[in-house]
Amino acid sequence: MTKSELIDAVANQINITKSRAELVVNCIFDSMTDALKRGEGIEIRGFGSFTVRQYKPYNGRNPRTGDPVNVASKRLPFFKVGKELKEMVNEVQSSPAADTSTKN
């Protein structure tokens, strides 16, 4: 799903204009981005949590040339899926038709 598809879904589900839905979606994403920039975590029960992980600097290699490269320290967002979402996603796979783990 793309951002524009999400905006369309929000507009259709709560019966508002697409421009209003775009404001809502952008506001949510902006708030989440600002929280992560401040190093705060975001927890959405039943969906998952976003945190910021700190990575130390290290010496890597350029894969093309093999030359050593210094990689600076960095902070990256990390998403951990929630139990309920994981179960919902796996419901489709656990149906008898989709189950390929049994052998005849």
Protein backbone atom coordinates (compact mmCIF):
# COMPACT_ATOMS: atom_id res chain seq x y z
CA MET A 1 0.00 0.00 0.00
CA THR A 2 1.33 3.40 -0.94
CA LYS A 3 0.76 6.65 0.92
CA SER A 4 -1.79 7.79 -1.67
CA GLU A 5 -3.66 4.48 -1.31
CA LEU A 6 -3.67 4.99 2.47
CA ILE A 7 -5.09 8.49 2.01
CA ASP A 8 -7.82 7.09 -0.27
CA ALA A 9 -8.67 4.37 2.28
CA VAL A 10 -8.90 6.90 5.13
CA ALA A 11 -11.08 9.22 3.04
CA ASN A 12 -13.44 6.40 2.08
CA GLN A 13 -13.62 4.81 5.51
CA ILE A 14 -14.52 7.94 7.48
CA ASN A 15 -16.25 9.73 4.61
CA ILE A 16 -14.07 12.85 4.33
CA THR A 17 -12.44 14.55 1.36
CA LYS A 18 -9.11 13.29 0.10
CA SER A 19 -7.45 16.61 0.98
CA ARG A 20 -8.65 16.28 4.59
CA ALA A 21 -7.51 12.65 4.70
CA GLU A 22 -4.11 13.72 3.36
CA LEU A 23 -3.82 16.27 6.20
CA VAL A 24 -4.67 13.56 8.75
CA VAL A 25 -2.17 11.06 7.34
CA ASN A 26 0.58 13.69 7.04
CA CYS A 27 -0.08 14.88 10.60
CA ILE A 28 0.28 11.33 11.93
CA PHE A 29 3.48 10.67 9.98
CA ASP A 30 4.96 14.04 10.96
CA SER A 31 4.20 13.40 14.63
CA MET A 32 5.80 9.97 14.45
CA THR A 33 8.87 11.34 12.67
CA ASP A 34 9.28 14.13 15.24
CA ALA A 35 9.04 11.65 18.12
CA LEU A 36 11.69 9.40 16.56
CA LYS A 37 13.97 12.41 15.92
CA ARG A 38 13.76 13.19 19.64
CA GLY A 39 14.74 9.58 20.39
CA GLU A 40 11.31 8.67 21.76
CA GLY A 41 9.68 5.34 21.09
CA ILE A 42 6.25 4.91 19.57
CA GLU A 43 3.97 2.09 20.68
CA ILE A 44 0.74 1.29 18.88
CA ARG A 45 -0.93 -1.54 20.78
CA GLY A 46 -1.87 -4.45 18.58
CA PHE A 47 0.23 -3.10 15.70
CA GLY A 48 3.83 -2.71 16.86
CA SER A 49 6.44 -0.34 18.17
CA PHE A 50 9.00 1.97 16.62
CA THR A 51 12.29 2.71 18.35
CA VAL A 52 15.56 4.36 17.40
CA ARG A 53 18.67 2.21 17.51
CA GLN A 54 22.15 3.69 17.85
CA TYR A 55 24.90 2.07 15.76
CA LYS A 56 28.59 2.64 16.53
CA PRO A 57 31.08 3.62 13.84
CA TYR A 58 32.95 0.78 12.17
CA ASN A 59 35.37 0.03 9.37
CA GLY A 60 33.69 -1.50 6.33
CA ARG A 61 34.71 -2.33 2.80
CA ASN A 62 33.57 -0.94 -0.53
CA PRO A 63 32.03 -4.01 -2.23
CA ARG A 64 33.20 -2.92 -5.71
CA THR A 65 36.81 -2.05 -4.99
CA GLY A 66 37.46 -3.78 -1.67
CA ASP A 67 38.89 -0.53 -0.28
CA PRO A 68 38.38 0.09 3.43
CA VAL A 69 35.68 2.65 4.25
CA ASN A 70 34.97 4.35 7.56
CA VAL A 71 31.27 4.14 8.36
CA ALA A 72 30.10 6.86 10.75
CA SER A 73 27.87 6.21 13.74
CA LYS A 74 24.20 6.49 12.96
CA ARG A 75 20.73 6.28 14.41
CA LEU A 76 18.17 4.23 12.53
CA PRO A 77 14.48 3.63 13.15
CA PHE A 78 13.52 0.05 14.00
CA PHE A 79 10.05 -1.50 13.88
CA LYS A 80 9.01 -4.47 15.99
CA VAL A 81 5.73 -6.04 14.95
CA GLY A 82 3.07 -6.53 17.63
CA LYS A 83 1.70 -9.93 18.57
CA GLU A 84 -1.84 -9.22 17.30
CA LEU A 85 -0.64 -7.99 13.90
CA LYS A 86 1.68 -10.97 13.57
CA GLU A 87 -1.22 -13.32 14.30
CA MET A 88 -3.52 -11.55 11.81
CA VAL A 89 -0.90 -11.75 9.05
CA ASN A 90 -0.29 -15.43 9.75
CA GLU A 91 -4.01 -16.35 9.81
CA VAL A 92 -4.00 -16.53 6.01
CA GLN A 93 -1.09 -18.97 6.02
CA SER A 94 -2.58 -21.19 8.71
CA SER A 95 -5.63 -22.13 6.62
CA PRO A 96 -5.64 -25.81 5.50
CA ALA A 97 -5.36 -24.89 1.79
CA ALA A 98 -2.31 -22.72 2.39
CA ASP A 99 -0.62 -25.13 4.84
CA THR A 100 2.30 -26.77 3.08
CA SER A 101 4.01 -28.04 6.22
CA THR A 102 2.16 -31.39 6.19
CA LYS A 103 3.58 -34.16 4.07
CA ASN A 104 1.53 -36.92 2.43
